[in-house]
């Protein structure tokens, strides 16, 4: 990646995405303004810092849905979603179906 600041911020963001990190935390690491960071992220990665955090959280939630019996509420809490409904909405937006349906479908396909 050509933009070293974005690369470092992205790596840090991915490693901390499930620790309730917010874009303001990423901004403070880089000493850039939020707007400049977002533009540079979008230019380098094609997504904003917020989208990177959300995608990582959803990917982790997806893994737990496949591999555990944790409730959707517990998964939401583990990955920084204050409300189960917010996880449901984002999961459906990014994956095309709600978490419960994803879990049932995946388990049906692995039997």
Protein backbone atom coordinates (compact mmCIF):
# COMPACT_ATOMS: atom_id res chain seq x y z
CA UNK A 1 0.00 0.00 0.00
CA UNK A 2 1.36 3.38 -0.94
CA UNK A 3 -0.19 5.35 1.92
CA UNK A 4 1.77 4.22 4.96
CA UNK A 5 -0.48 6.04 7.45
CA UNK A 6 -3.55 4.34 6.05
CA UNK A 7 -1.82 0.97 6.07
CA UNK A 8 -0.85 1.31 9.74
CA UNK A 9 -4.28 2.65 10.69
CA UNK A 10 -6.02 -0.18 8.82
CA UNK A 11 -3.87 -2.85 10.48
CA UNK A 12 -4.51 -1.37 13.90
CA UNK A 13 -8.21 -1.03 13.16
CA UNK A 14 -8.51 -4.65 12.10
CA UNK A 15 -6.70 -5.88 15.20
CA UNK A 16 -8.88 -3.75 17.50
CA UNK A 17 -12.20 -3.77 15.60
CA UNK A 18 -13.94 -5.88 18.22
CA UNK A 19 -12.79 -3.81 21.17
CA UNK A 20 -15.51 -1.19 20.63
CA UNK A 21 -13.07 0.94 18.67
CA UNK A 22 -14.58 3.96 16.98
CA UNK A 23 -13.46 6.02 14.02
CA UNK A 24 -12.38 8.76 16.43
CA UNK A 25 -9.87 6.29 17.93
CA UNK A 26 -8.41 5.66 14.48
CA UNK A 27 -8.30 9.40 13.78
CA UNK A 28 -6.38 10.07 16.99
CA UNK A 29 -3.77 7.47 15.99
CA UNK A 30 -3.05 9.08 12.66
CA UNK A 31 -3.07 12.77 13.61
CA UNK A 32 -5.13 13.42 10.48
CA UNK A 33 -8.55 14.99 10.45
CA UNK A 34 -11.45 12.58 10.18
CA UNK A 35 -12.32 13.81 6.70
CA UNK A 36 -8.73 13.48 5.42
CA UNK A 37 -8.46 9.98 6.90
CA UNK A 38 -11.75 8.93 5.32
CA UNK A 39 -10.71 10.25 1.91
CA UNK A 40 -7.33 8.50 2.12
CA UNK A 41 -8.92 5.24 3.31
CA UNK A 42 -11.46 5.36 0.49
CA UNK A 43 -8.72 6.08 -2.03
CA UNK A 44 -6.42 3.31 -0.78
CA UNK A 45 -8.86 0.63 0.34
CA UNK A 46 -12.14 1.51 -1.32
CA UNK A 47 -13.92 1.78 2.05
CA UNK A 48 -14.05 4.16 5.00
CA UNK A 49 -12.63 3.38 8.46
CA UNK A 50 -16.20 2.89 9.74
CA UNK A 51 -16.92 0.39 6.98
CA UNK A 52 -13.69 -1.48 7.78
CA UNK A 53 -14.64 -1.75 11.45
CA UNK A 54 -18.16 -2.90 10.58
CA UNK A 55 -17.00 -5.50 8.04
CA UNK A 56 -14.52 -6.97 10.52
CA UNK A 57 -17.15 -7.16 13.27
CA UNK A 58 -19.65 -8.80 10.92
CA UNK A 59 -17.02 -11.31 9.74
CA UNK A 60 -16.31 -12.24 13.36
CA UNK A 61 -20.02 -12.50 14.14
CA UNK A 62 -20.45 -14.72 11.07
CA UNK A 63 -17.73 -17.06 12.36
CA UNK A 64 -19.38 -17.32 15.79
CA UNK A 65 -22.75 -18.02 14.20
CA UNK A 66 -21.18 -20.92 12.28
CA UNK A 67 -19.01 -22.30 15.06
CA UNK A 68 -20.79 -21.69 18.37
CA UNK A 69 -24.15 -21.81 20.07
CA UNK A 70 -23.78 -18.29 21.48
CA UNK A 71 -27.00 -16.34 21.33
CA UNK A 72 -27.26 -13.58 18.77
CA UNK A 73 -27.48 -11.12 21.65
CA UNK A 74 -24.21 -12.42 23.11
CA UNK A 75 -22.51 -12.25 19.72
CA UNK A 76 -23.75 -8.68 19.25
CA UNK A 77 -22.37 -7.68 22.64
CA UNK A 78 -19.01 -9.41 22.05
CA UNK A 79 -18.44 -7.51 18.84
CA UNK A 80 -19.39 -4.05 19.93
CA UNK A 81 -23.01 -3.85 18.81
CA UNK A 82 -25.00 -2.23 21.58
CA UNK A 83 -28.25 -3.77 20.37
CA UNK A 84 -29.05 -7.10 18.77
CA UNK A 85 -31.28 -5.28 16.28
CA UNK A 86 -28.32 -3.26 14.99
CA UNK A 87 -26.34 -6.45 14.39
CA UNK A 88 -29.39 -7.95 12.66
CA UNK A 89 -29.77 -4.95 10.36
CA UNK A 90 -26.08 -4.74 9.41
CA UNK A 91 -25.71 -8.49 9.01
CA UNK A 92 -28.71 -8.63 6.68
CA UNK A 93 -27.42 -5.64 4.71
CA UNK A 94 -23.94 -7.14 4.24
CA UNK A 95 -24.76 -10.85 4.05
CA UNK A 96 -28.24 -10.79 2.55
CA UNK A 97 -30.03 -12.56 5.38
CA UNK A 98 -30.50 -12.15 9.13
CA UNK A 99 -28.07 -13.83 11.56
CA UNK A 100 -30.55 -16.49 12.72
CA UNK A 101 -31.31 -17.53 9.15
CA UNK A 102 -27.60 -17.54 8.32
CA UNK A 103 -26.96 -19.84 11.29
CA UNK A 104 -29.77 -22.26 10.38
CA UNK A 105 -28.75 -22.30 6.71
CA UNK A 106 -25.11 -22.92 7.48
CA UNK A 107 -25.83 -25.73 9.90
CA UNK A 108 -28.23 -27.35 7.44
CA UNK A 109 -25.49 -27.28 4.78
CA UNK A 110 -22.88 -28.89 7.04
CA UNK A 111 -24.89 -31.93 8.13
